[in-house]
Amino acid sequence: MITQSVRAGAATAVAAMALGLTACVPSPPVAQEGDVTETEYRDAFDDYRSCMEDHGYALIGVEQNGVVIEWMYVEEATTTGVEEDCYEPFYPLDSAWQIQNEDTSVAARLYQQCLRRADIAPAETLAEMHEQLLAAGIDPSSCLPG
């Protein structure tokens, strides 16, 4: 069985389910002190990937989605505890990077599409778009797949 990281967003979880893959439960965001640079994010991801590979679990379907990296791995990496151990050092940077870039996230793009379908010009930030949807009587979750 293949598990998809949903740490990269809700849309990836829906795609995983549509493909018959098992999705992980995302961890709550943790703020990193200061901004995380793209280089720090990518280097930390490379360390995570190397850790997984060193334990015999190559990441599958590694893709760039906007500025966030998405990936999958076999379920055994979770049941053996390897994925959690490898992800732990990457987690603060991954979370901080996603928070820093939430306005360009998959969810932000889906909110924009939903607002445009309702003939509403999308605001600049994810939080503002969320408020626009609520003000228009649109359930924000209806804009997301699944």
N, C-alpha and C. Protein backbone atom coordinates (compact mmCIF):
# COMPACT_ATOMS: atom_id res chain seq x y z
N MET A 1 0.84 -1.17 0.00
CA MET A 1 0.00 0.00 0.00
C MET A 1 0.89 1.24 0.00
N ILE A 2 0.46 2.28 -0.70
CA ILE A 2 1.21 3.53 -0.78
C ILE A 2 0.49 4.59 0.03
N THR A 3 1.25 5.35 0.78
CA THR A 3 0.70 6.43 1.60
C THR A 3 1.16 7.75 1.01
N GLN A 4 0.25 8.71 0.91
CA GLN A 4 0.59 10.01 0.38
C GLN A 4 0.71 11.00 1.52
N SER A 5 1.73 11.82 1.45
CA SER A 5 1.87 12.87 2.45
C SER A 5 0.82 13.93 2.19
N VAL A 6 -0.01 14.22 3.18
CA VAL A 6 -0.98 15.30 3.05
C VAL A 6 -0.48 16.53 3.77
N ARG A 7 0.74 16.46 4.19
CA ARG A 7 1.33 17.64 4.80
C ARG A 7 1.43 18.74 3.77
N ALA A 8 1.36 18.37 2.50
CA ALA A 8 1.41 19.35 1.44
C ALA A 8 0.05 19.91 1.09
N GLY A 9 -1.04 19.39 1.59
CA GLY A 9 -2.34 19.99 1.36
C GLY A 9 -3.47 19.01 1.15
N ALA A 10 -4.68 19.53 1.28
CA ALA A 10 -5.89 18.71 1.20
C ALA A 10 -6.09 18.12 -0.18
N ALA A 11 -5.74 18.85 -1.22
CA ALA A 11 -5.97 18.36 -2.58
C ALA A 11 -5.17 17.09 -2.84
N THR A 12 -3.99 16.97 -2.26
CA THR A 12 -3.20 15.76 -2.46
C THR A 12 -3.85 14.57 -1.79
N ALA A 13 -4.48 14.79 -0.65
CA ALA A 13 -5.16 13.70 0.04
C ALA A 13 -6.32 13.19 -0.79
N VAL A 14 -7.04 14.10 -1.41
CA VAL A 14 -8.17 13.70 -2.24
C VAL A 14 -7.67 12.92 -3.45
N ALA A 15 -6.58 13.39 -4.04
CA ALA A 15 -6.00 12.68 -5.18
C ALA A 15 -5.56 11.28 -4.76
N ALA A 16 -4.98 11.17 -3.59
CA ALA A 16 -4.53 9.87 -3.10
C ALA A 16 -5.72 8.93 -2.93
N MET A 17 -6.81 9.44 -2.35
CA MET A 17 -7.98 8.60 -2.15
C MET A 17 -8.58 8.18 -3.48
N ALA A 18 -8.59 9.08 -4.45
CA ALA A 18 -9.14 8.77 -5.76
C ALA A 18 -8.33 7.68 -6.45
N LEU A 19 -7.04 7.62 -6.14
CA LEU A 19 -6.18 6.61 -6.74
C LEU A 19 -6.13 5.33 -5.91
N GLY A 20 -6.89 5.29 -4.82
CA GLY A 20 -6.89 4.11 -3.97
C GLY A 20 -5.70 4.04 -3.05
N LEU A 21 -5.07 5.17 -2.77
CA LEU A 21 -3.93 5.21 -1.88
C LEU A 21 -4.41 5.58 -0.48
N THR A 22 -3.60 5.31 0.51
CA THR A 22 -3.93 5.67 1.88
C THR A 22 -3.27 7.00 2.20
N ALA A 23 -4.03 7.91 2.80
CA ALA A 23 -3.48 9.22 3.14
C ALA A 23 -3.12 9.27 4.61
N CYS A 24 -2.06 10.00 4.93
CA CYS A 24 -1.65 10.21 6.32
C CYS A 24 -2.47 11.35 6.90
N VAL A 25 -2.56 11.39 8.21
CA VAL A 25 -3.20 12.51 8.87
C VAL A 25 -2.15 13.60 9.01
N PRO A 26 -2.44 14.83 8.54
CA PRO A 26 -1.43 15.87 8.63
C PRO A 26 -1.19 16.29 10.07
N SER A 27 0.03 16.69 10.34
CA SER A 27 0.36 17.20 11.66
C SER A 27 -0.01 18.66 11.74
N PRO A 28 -0.36 19.16 12.94
CA PRO A 28 -0.67 20.57 13.05
C PRO A 28 0.56 21.41 12.77
N PRO A 29 0.38 22.60 12.16
CA PRO A 29 1.53 23.44 11.85
C PRO A 29 2.27 23.89 13.11
N VAL A 30 3.58 23.96 13.00
CA VAL A 30 4.41 24.49 14.07
C VAL A 30 5.21 25.63 13.49
N ALA A 31 5.16 26.77 14.14
CA ALA A 31 5.89 27.93 13.64
C ALA A 31 7.38 27.75 13.90
N GLN A 32 8.17 28.02 12.90
CA GLN A 32 9.63 28.01 13.00
C GLN A 32 10.04 29.43 13.34
N GLU A 33 11.03 29.60 14.19
CA GLU A 33 11.49 30.93 14.53
C GLU A 33 12.10 31.57 13.29
N GLY A 34 11.57 32.72 12.87
CA GLY A 34 12.05 33.38 11.67
C GLY A 34 11.53 32.71 10.42
N ASP A 35 11.81 33.30 9.29
CA ASP A 35 11.38 32.74 8.02
C ASP A 35 12.30 31.62 7.59
N VAL A 36 11.72 30.64 6.94
CA VAL A 36 12.48 29.53 6.37
C VAL A 36 12.75 29.89 4.92
N THR A 37 13.98 29.76 4.49
CA THR A 37 14.31 30.05 3.10
C THR A 37 14.00 28.82 2.25
N GLU A 38 13.87 29.04 0.96
CA GLU A 38 13.62 27.91 0.07
C GLU A 38 14.78 26.92 0.11
N THR A 39 15.99 27.43 0.23
CA THR A 39 17.16 26.56 0.31
C THR A 39 17.10 25.69 1.57
N GLU A 40 16.75 26.30 2.70
CA GLU A 40 16.62 25.52 3.94
C GLU A 40 15.54 24.45 3.81
N TYR A 41 14.41 24.83 3.21
CA TYR A 41 13.30 23.89 3.01
C TYR A 41 13.74 22.72 2.14
N ARG A 42 14.35 23.03 1.00
CA ARG A 42 14.78 21.97 0.08
C ARG A 42 15.87 21.09 0.68
N ASP A 43 16.82 21.70 1.39
CA ASP A 43 17.89 20.92 2.03
C ASP A 43 17.30 19.98 3.09
N ALA A 44 16.35 20.49 3.87
CA ALA A 44 15.71 19.66 4.90
C ALA A 44 14.91 18.53 4.25
N PHE A 45 14.24 18.82 3.13
CA PHE A 45 13.52 17.76 2.42
C PHE A 45 14.50 16.71 1.91
N ASP A 46 15.62 17.15 1.35
CA ASP A 46 16.63 16.20 0.86
C ASP A 46 17.14 15.31 1.99
N ASP A 47 17.31 15.88 3.19
CA ASP A 47 17.73 15.08 4.34
C ASP A 47 16.66 14.05 4.69
N TYR A 48 15.38 14.49 4.66
CA TYR A 48 14.26 13.57 4.92
C TYR A 48 14.25 12.43 3.90
N ARG A 49 14.38 12.80 2.63
CA ARG A 49 14.38 11.79 1.57
C ARG A 49 15.54 10.81 1.76
N SER A 50 16.73 11.33 2.07
CA SER A 50 17.90 10.48 2.28
C SER A 50 17.69 9.53 3.45
N CYS A 51 17.10 10.04 4.52
CA CYS A 51 16.81 9.21 5.69
C CYS A 51 15.88 8.06 5.30
N MET A 52 14.81 8.39 4.57
CA MET A 52 13.87 7.35 4.14
C MET A 52 14.59 6.31 3.27
N GLU A 53 15.39 6.79 2.32
CA GLU A 53 16.11 5.87 1.42
C GLU A 53 17.12 5.03 2.18
N ASP A 54 17.80 5.64 3.18
CA ASP A 54 18.77 4.90 3.98
C ASP A 54 18.12 3.74 4.73
N HIS A 55 16.82 3.87 4.99
CA HIS A 55 16.07 2.81 5.68
C HIS A 55 15.30 1.92 4.70
N GLY A 56 15.57 2.09 3.40
CA GLY A 56 14.97 1.22 2.39
C GLY A 56 13.62 1.66 1.86
N TYR A 57 13.23 2.91 2.10
CA TYR A 57 11.92 3.40 1.65
C TYR A 57 12.10 4.61 0.74
N ALA A 58 12.17 4.36 -0.55
CA ALA A 58 12.28 5.46 -1.51
C ALA A 58 10.95 6.20 -1.60
N LEU A 59 11.01 7.52 -1.67
CA LEU A 59 9.79 8.31 -1.85
C LEU A 59 9.29 8.12 -3.27
N ILE A 60 7.99 8.19 -3.44
CA ILE A 60 7.35 7.95 -4.72
C ILE A 60 6.62 9.21 -5.16
N GLY A 61 6.66 9.52 -6.45
CA GLY A 61 5.88 10.63 -6.99
C GLY A 61 6.24 11.99 -6.42
N VAL A 62 7.51 12.23 -6.19
CA VAL A 62 7.94 13.52 -5.65
C VAL A 62 7.69 14.59 -6.72
N GLU A 63 6.88 15.59 -6.35
CA GLU A 63 6.51 16.66 -7.29
C GLU A 63 6.50 18.00 -6.59
N GLN A 64 6.76 19.01 -7.37
CA GLN A 64 6.65 20.39 -6.90
C GLN A 64 5.23 20.85 -7.18
N ASN A 65 4.51 21.33 -6.16
CA ASN A 65 3.16 21.87 -6.33
C ASN A 65 3.22 23.30 -5.83
N GLY A 66 3.39 24.24 -6.77
CA GLY A 66 3.66 25.61 -6.36
C GLY A 66 5.06 25.61 -5.78
N VAL A 67 5.20 26.07 -4.54
CA VAL A 67 6.51 26.08 -3.89
C VAL A 67 6.65 24.95 -2.88
N VAL A 68 5.63 24.11 -2.76
CA VAL A 68 5.62 23.02 -1.79
C VAL A 68 5.88 21.70 -2.49
N ILE A 69 6.68 20.85 -1.85
CA ILE A 69 7.00 19.53 -2.40
C ILE A 69 5.96 18.53 -1.88
N GLU A 70 5.46 17.68 -2.76
CA GLU A 70 4.54 16.61 -2.40
C GLU A 70 5.20 15.28 -2.69
N TRP A 71 4.83 14.25 -1.93
CA TRP A 71 5.43 12.93 -2.12
C TRP A 71 4.52 11.86 -1.53
N MET A 72 4.85 10.62 -1.88
CA MET A 72 4.17 9.44 -1.33
C MET A 72 5.25 8.47 -0.88
N TYR A 73 4.82 7.49 -0.07
CA TYR A 73 5.72 6.43 0.37
C TYR A 73 4.89 5.21 0.72
N VAL A 74 5.53 4.06 0.81
CA VAL A 74 4.80 2.83 1.14
C VAL A 74 4.36 2.88 2.59
N GLU A 75 3.20 2.28 2.87
CA GLU A 75 2.62 2.31 4.20
C GLU A 75 3.55 1.70 5.26
N GLU A 76 4.33 0.72 4.85
CA GLU A 76 5.25 0.05 5.78
C GLU A 76 6.21 1.05 6.45
N ALA A 77 6.54 2.14 5.75
CA ALA A 77 7.42 3.16 6.34
C ALA A 77 6.78 3.79 7.56
N THR A 78 5.45 3.86 7.58
CA THR A 78 4.73 4.39 8.74
C THR A 78 4.64 3.34 9.84
N THR A 79 4.25 2.13 9.46
CA THR A 79 4.04 1.09 10.48
C THR A 79 5.34 0.71 11.19
N THR A 80 6.46 0.86 10.53
CA THR A 80 7.76 0.57 11.15
C THR A 80 8.29 1.75 11.96
N GLY A 81 7.66 2.93 11.80
CA GLY A 81 8.11 4.12 12.53
C GLY A 81 9.19 4.91 11.82
N VAL A 82 9.65 4.40 10.69
CA VAL A 82 10.73 5.07 9.96
C VAL A 82 10.29 6.45 9.47
N GLU A 83 9.10 6.54 8.90
CA GLU A 83 8.65 7.82 8.35
C GLU A 83 8.60 8.89 9.44
N GLU A 84 8.04 8.55 10.58
CA GLU A 84 7.95 9.52 11.68
C GLU A 84 9.34 9.95 12.14
N ASP A 85 10.24 9.00 12.30
CA ASP A 85 11.60 9.32 12.73
C ASP A 85 12.32 10.21 11.72
N CYS A 86 12.14 9.92 10.44
CA CYS A 86 12.80 10.71 9.39
C CYS A 86 12.15 12.10 9.25
N TYR A 87 10.83 12.15 9.44
CA TYR A 87 10.12 13.42 9.24
C TYR A 87 10.32 14.39 10.40
N GLU A 88 10.58 13.87 11.60
CA GLU A 88 10.66 14.72 12.78
C GLU A 88 11.59 15.93 12.61
N PRO A 89 12.83 15.78 12.11
CA PRO A 89 13.69 16.97 11.95
C PRO A 89 13.21 17.91 10.83
N PHE A 90 12.50 17.37 9.85
CA PHE A 90 11.99 18.17 8.72
C PHE A 90 10.72 18.92 9.10
N TYR A 91 9.97 18.37 10.04
CA TYR A 91 8.65 18.88 10.39
C TYR A 91 8.59 20.39 10.68
N PRO A 92 9.46 20.94 11.55
CA PRO A 92 9.34 22.38 11.82
C PRO A 92 9.56 23.25 10.58
N LEU A 93 10.49 22.85 9.73
CA LEU A 93 10.75 23.63 8.52
C LEU A 93 9.64 23.46 7.50
N ASP A 94 9.14 22.24 7.34
CA ASP A 94 8.05 21.97 6.41
C ASP A 94 6.80 22.76 6.81
N SER A 95 6.48 22.72 8.09
CA SER A 95 5.30 23.44 8.58
C SER A 95 5.45 24.95 8.39
N ALA A 96 6.61 25.47 8.79
CA ALA A 96 6.84 26.90 8.67
C ALA A 96 6.80 27.34 7.20
N TRP A 97 7.39 26.54 6.32
CA TRP A 97 7.41 26.87 4.88
C TRP A 97 5.98 26.92 4.33
N GLN A 98 5.17 25.95 4.72
CA GLN A 98 3.79 25.93 4.23
C GLN A 98 3.00 27.12 4.76
N ILE A 99 3.22 27.48 6.02
CA ILE A 99 2.54 28.65 6.58
C ILE A 99 2.97 29.91 5.85
N GLN A 100 4.27 30.05 5.61
CA GLN A 100 4.79 31.22 4.89
C GLN A 100 4.19 31.34 3.49
N ASN A 101 3.86 30.21 2.90
CA ASN A 101 3.42 30.19 1.51
C ASN A 101 1.95 29.83 1.35
N GLU A 102 1.15 29.97 2.40
CA GLU A 102 -0.25 29.57 2.33
C GLU A 102 -1.04 30.36 1.30
N ASP A 103 -0.64 31.59 1.01
CA ASP A 103 -1.39 32.40 0.05
C ASP A 103 -1.20 31.93 -1.39
N THR A 104 -0.23 31.06 -1.63
CA THR A 104 -0.02 30.48 -2.96
C THR A 104 -0.27 28.98 -2.95
N SER A 105 -0.93 28.51 -1.92
CA SER A 105 -1.17 27.07 -1.75
C SER A 105 -2.26 26.56 -2.69
N VAL A 106 -2.40 25.26 -2.71
CA VAL A 106 -3.47 24.62 -3.49
C VAL A 106 -4.82 25.13 -3.00
N ALA A 107 -5.00 25.21 -1.68
CA ALA A 107 -6.26 25.70 -1.12
C ALA A 107 -6.54 27.12 -1.59
N ALA A 108 -5.52 27.97 -1.62
CA ALA A 108 -5.71 29.35 -2.08
C ALA A 108 -6.17 29.37 -3.54
N ARG A 109 -5.56 28.53 -4.37
CA ARG A 109 -5.96 28.50 -5.79
C ARG A 109 -7.38 27.99 -5.93
N LEU A 110 -7.77 27.01 -5.11
CA LEU A 110 -9.15 26.50 -5.17
C LEU A 110 -10.15 27.56 -4.68
N TYR A 111 -9.79 28.29 -3.65
CA TYR A 111 -10.65 29.39 -3.17
C TYR A 111 -10.81 30.45 -4.27
N GLN A 112 -9.71 30.77 -4.95
CA GLN A 112 -9.77 31.75 -6.04
C GLN A 112 -10.75 31.30 -7.12
N GLN A 113 -10.65 30.04 -7.52
CA GLN A 113 -11.56 29.52 -8.54
C GLN A 113 -13.00 29.59 -8.09
N CYS A 114 -13.26 29.23 -6.85
CA CYS A 114 -14.60 29.24 -6.29
C CYS A 114 -15.16 30.67 -6.27
N LEU A 115 -14.34 31.62 -5.85
CA LEU A 115 -14.78 33.02 -5.83
C LEU A 115 -15.05 33.54 -7.23
N ARG A 116 -14.21 33.19 -8.18
CA ARG A 116 -14.42 33.65 -9.56
C ARG A 116 -15.71 33.06 -10.14
N ARG A 117 -15.99 31.80 -9.81
CA ARG A 117 -17.25 31.20 -10.29
C ARG A 117 -18.46 31.94 -9.73
N ALA A 118 -18.28 32.56 -8.57
CA ALA A 118 -19.36 33.33 -7.94
C ALA A 118 -19.28 34.81 -8.35
N ASP A 119 -18.45 35.11 -9.36
CA ASP A 119 -18.25 36.49 -9.83
C ASP A 119 -17.76 37.43 -8.74
N ILE A 120 -16.86 36.93 -7.91
CA ILE A 120 -16.24 37.72 -6.85
C ILE A 120 -14.74 37.75 -7.12
N ALA A 121 -14.16 38.95 -7.13
CA ALA A 121 -12.72 39.09 -7.33
C ALA A 121 -12.00 38.62 -6.06
N PRO A 122 -11.13 37.61 -6.17
CA PRO A 122 -10.46 37.08 -4.99
C PRO A 122 -9.54 38.11 -4.32
N ALA A 123 -9.51 38.07 -3.00
CA ALA A 123 -8.60 38.90 -2.22
C ALA A 123 -7.18 38.36 -2.37
N GLU A 124 -6.25 39.00 -1.71
CA GLU A 124 -4.84 38.62 -1.83
C GLU A 124 -4.44 37.44 -0.97
N THR A 125 -5.00 37.33 0.23
CA THR A 125 -4.53 36.29 1.15
C THR A 125 -5.57 35.18 1.31
N LEU A 126 -5.09 34.03 1.74
CA LEU A 126 -5.97 32.89 1.99
C LEU A 126 -7.01 33.26 3.04
N ALA A 127 -6.58 33.93 4.11
CA ALA A 127 -7.51 34.31 5.18
C ALA A 127 -8.59 35.25 4.65
N GLU A 128 -8.20 36.21 3.82
CA GLU A 128 -9.17 37.15 3.25
C GLU A 128 -10.14 36.44 2.31
N MET A 129 -9.63 35.49 1.52
CA MET A 129 -10.50 34.74 0.61
C MET A 129 -11.49 33.90 1.41
N HIS A 130 -11.04 33.33 2.51
CA HIS A 130 -11.91 32.55 3.38
C HIS A 130 -13.05 33.43 3.87
N GLU A 131 -12.72 34.64 4.30
CA GLU A 131 -13.74 35.58 4.77
C GLU A 131 -14.69 35.97 3.64
N GLN A 132 -14.18 36.16 2.43
CA GLN A 132 -15.02 36.49 1.28
C GLN A 132 -16.04 35.38 1.03
N LEU A 133 -15.58 34.14 1.10
CA LEU A 133 -16.48 33.02 0.87
C LEU A 133 -17.59 33.01 1.91
N LEU A 134 -17.22 33.18 3.18
CA LEU A 134 -18.21 33.19 4.25
C LEU A 134 -19.21 34.34 4.06
N ALA A 135 -18.70 35.52 3.72
CA ALA A 135 -19.56 36.70 3.53
C ALA A 135 -20.54 36.49 2.37
N ALA A 136 -20.12 35.69 1.39
CA ALA A 136 -20.98 35.42 0.23
C ALA A 136 -21.91 34.23 0.49
N GLY A 137 -21.84 33.67 1.69
CA GLY A 137 -22.69 32.53 2.02
C GLY A 137 -22.22 31.22 1.39
N ILE A 138 -20.94 31.15 1.04
CA ILE A 138 -20.37 29.95 0.43
C ILE A 138 -19.56 29.21 1.49
N ASP A 139 -19.86 27.94 1.67
CA ASP A 139 -19.09 27.12 2.61
C ASP A 139 -17.70 26.89 1.99
N PRO A 140 -16.62 27.39 2.63
CA PRO A 140 -15.29 27.22 2.06
C PRO A 140 -14.93 25.77 1.74
N SER A 141 -15.44 24.83 2.53
CA SER A 141 -15.12 23.42 2.25
C SER A 141 -15.73 22.95 0.94
N SER A 142 -16.76 23.64 0.46
CA SER A 142 -17.36 23.26 -0.82
C SER A 142 -16.43 23.60 -2.00
N CYS A 143 -15.43 24.41 -1.75
CA CYS A 143 -14.47 24.78 -2.79
C CYS A 143 -13.34 23.77 -2.91
N LEU A 144 -13.23 22.91 -1.92
CA LEU A 144 -12.13 21.93 -1.89
C LEU A 144 -12.65 20.58 -2.36
N PRO A 145 -11.80 19.81 -3.03
CA PRO A 145 -12.22 18.49 -3.49
C PRO A 145 -12.59 17.59 -2.32
N GLY A 146 -13.49 16.69 -2.58
CA GLY A 146 -13.82 15.67 -1.60
C GLY A 146 -14.96 16.09 -0.76
